[in-house]
Every structure is written in structure tokens, then in C-alpha cells.
Protein backbone atom coordinates (compact mmCIF):
# COMPACT_ATOMS: atom_id res chain seq x y z
CA MET A 1 -10.11 -138.14 73.81
CA PHE A 2 -7.15 -137.54 75.76
CA GLN A 3 -4.53 -136.60 73.40
CA ARG A 4 -0.66 -136.67 74.76
CA THR A 5 0.79 -134.96 71.52
CA PRO A 6 -0.52 -134.49 68.35
CA ILE A 7 0.28 -136.55 65.12
CA TRP A 8 0.96 -135.90 61.42
CA ILE A 9 -2.15 -137.32 59.41
CA SER A 10 -1.74 -137.74 55.78
CA PRO A 11 -4.79 -138.68 53.41
CA ARG A 12 -5.31 -142.47 52.57
CA LEU A 13 -5.36 -142.77 48.94
CA ASP A 14 -7.80 -145.67 49.16
CA ARG A 15 -9.97 -146.81 46.01
CA GLN A 16 -11.91 -149.83 45.09
CA LEU A 17 -10.02 -152.13 42.51
CA PRO A 18 -12.44 -153.34 40.02
CA PRO A 19 -12.23 -157.24 39.57
CA PRO A 20 -10.26 -157.09 36.36
CA SER A 21 -7.46 -155.11 38.44
CA ARG A 22 -7.62 -157.87 41.13
CA LEU A 23 -7.48 -160.70 38.79
CA SER A 24 -4.26 -159.07 36.83
CA MET A 25 -2.42 -158.85 40.25
CA ARG A 26 -3.07 -162.43 41.18
CA ARG A 27 -1.89 -163.64 37.63
CA PHE A 28 0.98 -161.52 36.71
CA ALA A 29 3.69 -161.22 39.18
CA VAL A 30 5.37 -158.35 37.04
CA ILE A 31 2.30 -156.14 38.17
CA ARG A 32 2.83 -157.15 41.79
CA SER A 33 6.40 -156.22 41.68
CA LEU A 34 5.75 -152.66 39.77
CA LEU A 35 3.10 -152.07 42.39
CA ARG A 36 5.54 -152.91 45.49
CA LEU A 37 8.22 -150.74 43.68
CA LEU A 38 6.09 -148.00 43.52
CA SER A 39 4.85 -148.38 47.15
CA GLU A 40 8.52 -148.57 48.18
CA ALA A 41 9.61 -145.64 46.27
CA HIS A 42 7.30 -143.37 48.43
CA LEU A 43 8.71 -144.89 51.22
CA GLU A 44 12.27 -144.43 49.88
CA PHE A 45 11.36 -140.65 49.46
CA LEU A 46 9.94 -140.17 52.71
CA THR A 47 12.82 -141.59 54.64
CA PHE A 48 15.52 -139.85 52.35
CA SER A 49 13.78 -136.55 53.48
CA ILE A 50 14.04 -137.52 57.06
CA VAL A 51 17.23 -138.76 57.18
CA ASN A 52 18.79 -135.95 55.34
CA TYR A 53 16.79 -133.08 57.04
CA ARG A 54 19.64 -131.01 58.19
CA ARG A 55 21.39 -131.04 54.60
CA TRP A 56 18.00 -130.69 52.75
CA PRO A 57 15.31 -129.59 55.21
CA TRP A 58 13.09 -128.00 52.66
CA PHE A 59 11.93 -131.71 51.52
CA VAL A 60 10.47 -132.43 54.94
CA ARG A 61 9.14 -128.53 55.41
CA GLY A 62 7.25 -128.82 51.95
CA THR A 63 5.73 -132.12 53.05
CA GLN A 64 4.78 -130.30 56.13
CA ARG A 65 3.25 -127.80 54.57
CA PHE A 66 0.72 -129.88 52.34
CA LEU A 67 0.04 -132.09 55.31
CA ARG A 68 -0.73 -129.25 57.40
CA TRP A 69 -3.06 -127.60 54.55
CA GLN A 70 -4.79 -131.06 54.16
CA MET A 71 -5.55 -131.37 58.11
CA ARG A 72 -6.47 -127.82 58.35
CA ARG A 73 -9.21 -128.62 55.58
CA GLN A 74 -10.78 -130.96 57.47
CA VAL A 75 -10.73 -129.09 60.92
CA THR A 76 -13.03 -125.82 60.78
CA ASP A 77 -12.87 -124.95 64.06
CA GLN A 78 -9.47 -122.95 64.83
CA ALA A 79 -9.20 -123.69 68.50
CA LEU A 80 -9.43 -127.59 67.89
CA ALA A 81 -7.20 -127.28 64.74
CA ALA A 82 -4.51 -125.61 67.02
CA LYS A 83 -4.64 -128.63 69.05
CA LEU A 84 -4.31 -131.25 66.34
CA LEU A 85 -1.65 -129.52 64.51
CA PRO A 86 2.04 -130.77 65.48
CA GLY A 87 4.59 -128.56 66.66
CA TYR A 88 7.08 -131.04 65.93
CA GLY A 89 9.03 -131.96 62.53
CA LEU A 90 7.51 -134.71 60.30
CA GLY A 91 9.17 -137.78 61.23
CA CYS A 92 9.99 -137.17 64.83
CA LYS A 93 7.25 -139.67 65.64
CA ARG A 94 5.49 -142.28 63.59
CA PRO A 95 2.77 -140.48 61.12
CA THR A 96 -0.38 -142.06 60.22
CA THR A 97 -2.71 -142.27 57.22
CA SER A 98 -6.57 -141.46 57.66
CA ASN A 99 -9.45 -139.84 55.92
CA THR A 100 -12.01 -140.03 59.08
CA TYR A 101 -9.99 -139.53 62.14
CA LEU A 102 -9.82 -135.60 62.08
CA PRO A 103 -13.51 -134.99 61.06
CA ALA A 104 -14.54 -137.45 63.54
CA LEU A 105 -13.07 -135.10 66.13
CA SER A 106 -15.37 -132.23 64.95
CA ARG A 107 -18.24 -134.25 65.68
CA ASP A 108 -20.72 -132.66 68.55
CA ASN A 109 -20.45 -136.03 70.98
CA VAL A 110 -16.68 -136.11 70.47
CA LEU A 111 -14.54 -133.68 73.05
CA LEU A 112 -10.75 -133.45 72.47
CA ILE A 113 -8.69 -133.03 75.90
CA THR A 114 -5.32 -131.86 75.72
CA ARG A 115 -4.57 -131.56 79.64
CA ASN A 116 -2.67 -134.16 81.38
CA ILE A 117 -3.98 -136.76 83.19
CA GLU A 118 -3.41 -136.61 86.99
CA ARG A 119 -4.96 -139.94 88.06
CA ILE A 120 -7.81 -142.29 87.45
CA CYS A 121 -10.43 -142.75 90.16
CA PRO A 122 -13.84 -144.78 90.56
CA GLU A 123 -15.80 -141.96 88.61
CA GLY A 124 -13.57 -141.38 85.84
CA ILE A 125 -10.31 -139.35 84.76
CA VAL A 126 -8.99 -136.35 86.63
CA THR A 127 -6.75 -133.99 84.89
CA ASP A 128 -3.95 -131.35 86.25
CA ASP A 129 -6.36 -128.72 86.25
CA GLN A 130 -8.56 -130.85 88.99
CA THR A 131 -11.40 -131.35 86.30
CA LEU A 132 -13.17 -135.03 86.76
CA HIS A 133 -14.26 -136.21 83.37
CA GLU A 134 -17.01 -138.98 84.04
CA VAL A 135 -16.32 -141.98 81.86
CA ASP A 136 -17.70 -145.66 81.74
CA THR A 137 -15.01 -147.10 79.53
CA ILE A 138 -11.38 -146.35 79.19
CA ILE A 139 -9.39 -147.71 76.16
CA LEU A 140 -5.77 -147.26 76.53
CA ALA A 141 -3.63 -146.36 73.36
CA THR A 142 -0.61 -145.11 74.97
CA GLY A 143 2.30 -146.33 72.49
CA PHE A 144 4.99 -148.87 73.02
CA LEU A 145 7.96 -149.78 75.14
CA THR A 146 10.97 -149.80 72.76
CA THR A 147 14.05 -148.94 73.75
CA GLU A 148 13.74 -149.52 77.50
CA GLN A 149 15.71 -152.24 79.17
CA GLY A 150 14.51 -155.68 78.89
CA ASN A 151 12.03 -155.01 76.18
CA ALA A 152 13.81 -156.32 73.02
CA PRO A 153 14.69 -159.25 73.54
CA ARG A 154 12.56 -159.78 76.55
CA PHE A 155 14.85 -162.23 78.08
CA GLU A 156 18.40 -162.03 79.44
CA VAL A 157 21.29 -162.71 77.06
CA VAL A 158 24.63 -163.05 78.52
CA GLY A 159 27.61 -162.81 76.20
CA SER A 160 30.85 -164.76 75.91
CA GLU A 161 32.54 -162.39 78.52
CA GLY A 162 29.73 -162.49 81.02
CA VAL A 163 27.90 -158.96 79.92
CA GLU A 164 24.59 -159.03 79.79
CA LEU A 165 23.15 -157.55 76.68
CA GLY A 166 20.52 -155.23 78.21
CA GLN A 167 22.87 -153.74 80.77
CA PHE A 168 25.41 -153.30 78.11
CA TRP A 169 23.18 -151.47 76.05
CA GLU A 170 22.13 -149.28 79.18
CA GLU A 171 25.79 -148.26 80.10
CA HIS A 172 27.13 -147.89 76.43
CA ARG A 173 24.24 -146.61 74.05
CA LEU A 174 22.26 -148.98 71.81
CA GLN A 175 24.47 -150.44 69.11
CA ALA A 176 24.47 -153.44 66.69
CA TYR A 177 26.55 -154.01 63.51
CA ALA A 178 23.99 -153.63 60.68
CA GLY A 179 21.40 -153.86 63.25
CA VAL A 180 21.78 -157.50 63.58
CA SER A 181 24.97 -158.59 65.77
CA LEU A 182 27.34 -157.42 68.64
CA PRO A 183 30.93 -158.48 69.23
CA GLY A 184 31.04 -160.49 72.51
CA PHE A 185 28.04 -162.22 71.71
CA PRO A 186 28.71 -164.87 69.50
CA ASN A 187 25.94 -166.88 67.21
CA PHE A 188 23.31 -164.41 68.22
CA PHE A 189 21.47 -162.45 65.81
CA LEU A 190 18.57 -159.62 65.98
CA THR A 191 16.23 -159.53 63.36
CA SER A 192 15.27 -155.88 64.05
CA GLY A 193 17.93 -154.55 66.25
CA PRO A 194 18.95 -151.09 67.09
CA TYR A 195 19.25 -148.51 64.21
CA SER A 196 17.58 -151.07 61.99
CA ALA A 197 13.59 -150.13 61.88
CA GLY A 198 12.06 -147.45 59.55
CA PHE A 199 9.09 -146.79 57.34
CA ASN A 200 9.77 -149.78 55.01
CA TRP A 201 9.31 -152.51 57.71
CA PHE A 202 9.21 -155.45 55.16
CA THR A 203 12.45 -154.32 53.13
CA MET A 204 14.29 -154.17 56.63
CA LEU A 205 13.46 -157.71 57.75
CA GLU A 206 14.15 -159.22 54.54
CA ALA A 207 17.75 -157.23 54.16
CA ASN A 208 18.51 -158.20 57.87
CA LEU A 209 17.54 -161.91 57.42
CA ALA A 210 19.49 -162.03 54.06
CA HIS A 211 22.40 -160.95 56.30
CA ILE A 212 21.71 -163.59 58.60
CA MET A 213 21.68 -166.21 56.21
CA LYS A 214 24.98 -165.25 54.79
CA CYS A 215 26.60 -165.76 58.03
CA LEU A 216 24.97 -169.14 58.66
CA ASP A 217 25.92 -170.24 55.19
CA GLY A 218 29.36 -168.94 55.66
CA ALA A 219 29.73 -170.79 59.09
CA ARG A 220 28.48 -174.09 57.38
CA ALA A 221 30.69 -173.87 54.36
CA ARG A 222 33.54 -173.39 56.79
CA GLY A 223 32.67 -176.14 59.07
CA ALA A 224 32.41 -173.46 61.61
CA THR A 225 30.19 -173.42 64.86
CA ARG A 226 30.98 -169.91 66.27
CA VAL A 227 30.16 -166.79 64.30
CA GLU A 228 30.89 -163.26 65.61
CA VAL A 229 31.23 -160.01 64.13
CA LYS A 230 34.75 -158.27 64.40
CA ARG A 231 34.96 -155.72 67.04
CA ASP A 232 36.78 -153.33 64.63
CA VAL A 233 34.12 -153.51 62.05
CA HIS A 234 31.38 -153.02 64.29
CA GLU A 235 33.00 -150.13 65.92
CA ARG A 236 33.74 -148.40 62.46
CA TYR A 237 30.11 -149.02 61.44
CA MET A 238 28.76 -147.29 64.53
CA ARG A 239 30.85 -144.38 64.41
CA HIS A 240 29.41 -144.33 60.76
CA ILE A 241 25.79 -144.60 62.19
CA TRP A 242 26.19 -142.00 64.78
CA ARG A 243 27.67 -139.46 62.43
CA ARG A 244 24.98 -139.97 59.92
CA ALA A 245 22.24 -139.82 62.86
CA GLU A 246 23.12 -136.26 63.68
CA GLY A 247 22.06 -135.31 60.13
CA THR A 248 18.48 -136.58 60.70
CA VAL A 249 15.42 -134.93 61.68
CA PHE A 250 15.56 -136.66 65.04
CA LYS A 251 18.34 -134.12 66.01
CA ASP A 252 15.74 -131.23 65.27
CA PRO A 253 15.25 -129.13 68.53
CA SER A 254 11.79 -129.61 67.60
CA CYS A 255 11.95 -133.57 68.56
CA ALA A 256 12.79 -133.39 72.18
CA ALA A 257 9.50 -132.30 73.03
CA SER A 258 7.58 -134.61 70.81
CA GLY A 259 7.72 -137.58 73.29
CA SER A 260 8.91 -140.06 70.55
CA TYR A 261 9.37 -143.47 71.24
CA TYR A 262 12.17 -143.49 68.64
CA ILE A 263 14.47 -141.47 71.15
CA ASP A 264 16.18 -143.27 74.08
CA ARG A 265 17.45 -142.45 77.30
CA HIS A 266 20.60 -141.35 75.84
CA GLY A 267 19.10 -139.14 73.51
CA ASP A 268 19.76 -141.16 70.48
CA ALA A 269 17.12 -142.05 67.81
CA SER A 270 18.25 -145.53 68.10
CA LEU A 271 15.53 -147.33 66.38
CA PRO A 272 15.56 -145.93 62.80
CA LEU A 273 18.11 -146.50 60.63
CA PRO A 274 19.98 -142.98 59.60
CA HIS A 275 19.80 -144.11 55.72
CA THR A 276 17.25 -144.91 53.17
CA PRO A 277 15.92 -148.83 53.05
CA TRP A 278 17.43 -149.57 49.51
CA TRP A 279 21.02 -148.59 51.02
CA ARG A 280 20.52 -151.27 53.45
CA ALA A 281 19.18 -153.68 51.13
CA ILE A 282 22.05 -153.20 48.78
CA ARG A 283 24.84 -153.36 51.55
CA GLY A 284 23.29 -156.47 53.11
CA ARG A 285 23.76 -158.71 49.94
CA SER A 286 27.59 -157.97 49.46
CA HIS A 287 30.57 -158.94 51.24
CA VAL A 288 28.76 -159.76 54.47
CA THR A 289 31.19 -162.51 55.69
CA GLN A 290 34.01 -160.50 55.68
CA GLY A 291 32.93 -158.74 58.66
CA TYR A 292 32.81 -161.92 60.76
CA HIS A 293 35.00 -164.19 62.57
CA PHE A 294 34.32 -167.96 61.87
CA SER A 295 35.58 -170.65 64.51
CA SER A 296 35.06 -173.87 65.89
CA GLU A 297 34.58 -174.49 69.40
CA ALA A 298 37.91 -176.35 69.59
CA GLY A 299 39.35 -173.46 67.98
């Protein structure tokens, strides 16, 4: 296995549910709601630690010590452990959960390689120390395109002033009011725009869709055919977001060397929201339409 950067790995707390437990979750909505609340509370705590890193770094560092201890228990070889333990802060890159990944790398028939790949040739893979690693099959798991121009959305979007959205972001940093809309792009909404992602993907989608539906309902109630976020509202919101982002773990020097896809070409961690998911959920359900201008084509 060729590893570019190591990753934080936490235990997967899986257990088999007995048939009565599965039946109760099907029958009783309150049980499902309680389990979801517990799940979201865990993600809320994790996100709170990451977005308030500068203020309370001991939250993240305490979790890091626990995870490092857990990971070290699963890898007895010190040289191998040194390659697998991350040197960057928890949250800089997306962590994962597994009970089998680290033990698998300790098997006799598995080799972990951390040298950079220089090229691929018919015989296999050549690393930057000119070592040829003969292989039969290559499985690529190289991450995602996230903040690159033309990735999201994957089609051109030209606003009312003739500006293309991707080019605007290239020149003026990635931004979007509530992660949903931009001035100059009427009737255009994003379900997961800049500064809207996080560990709790479902809460984010629900909050963003609720925001969009309030705009559409507001337009319908007013008989409007054009909905556009107010420029001053958008700019005030983004100043707040950029200020909040300065206190997150993503601005820690260790994150710069992590190769995180959260961080864009401007040096901004423009994917995750620098607030907790519940902050967005609560904010997105009140006074949404006050930030928008509604009009008709004739107006």
C-alpha cells in the first residue's frame, strides 16, 4: 500500500443488535429520534472541538491522545507505527473509523510504502528513490476534487452581470451566503456550497434545503419570479465566516502539510462551516427571507 499521508482512525463501536432491539426501532419513532440525537450530539462535540481549536485546543488534543493510544495498541512494530500516526491535528483531514485497517497493515503479506510515487511503468510503480515495486493490479484511492474550478457545479453558471461563478470564486475566494446563494446569481441555489460541509452531512442538507424552500415559498407568496440574496447581507455574513474560520484547527500550522482537500488554493478551509451543525440548523429556520430581495421580471 502506497500512503501519501497517514489518517486519524478511531474505533468502530459496532455491535450486533438483537431482534427485539431492531423491532423496537421500527415500531417506535421516539427510539429512532433518540438514537439520532445521540449520534448528532457526538458529531456536534467533535465539530465544536475543531471549530473552536484556537480557543480551547485541549478538546482536540485530548481526543488526539486517546486516538494515538488506540492506534498504537493495534500496531506493535515501532517503525510501522511511526508511518501510520498522523503528525497533523485531528480534523485537518477527514478521519475514519475502523477496527481492521491497522491490524491488516501488520500482516506479513502487506507492505506499507510512504515514498512518493515518481511514475507508473509496465512493470509496476517506481518511487522517488528509484525503487521498482512490481504489481499486477493498481487500485486508485487518491481522494477527491473538491474546491478546484469547474468541480462544483460541474457546469458553467453565468450570473446577471455576466460573471461566471467558477471564475468569480477563483478571483475572490470561495463564498456563499449560508452556503446556499450569492448576489448576482438570482434564482440559483446550492445545496452544499462553500462553508457548508461538516461531519454531519444530513443536518447540513436538511438545513440548506429548509433555507432554499423558505426562499421559494417567500417568492410564491409575493408573486415574485426573481430571488436574490442582498449584497450587504452576503458580505456581512462572509466577514463573520472568515473571522470564525481563523479560530479553527484548519489554521493550525500542522494543517498546511497535511494535504487536506478542505483547504483551497487561497489557503482557506472553504468546505467546512466554522460553526457546529446545530448552529446552522437553528439559524436556517428563522428570518431567512429577510436577507433576500424578491421581484418580478417586469420589476
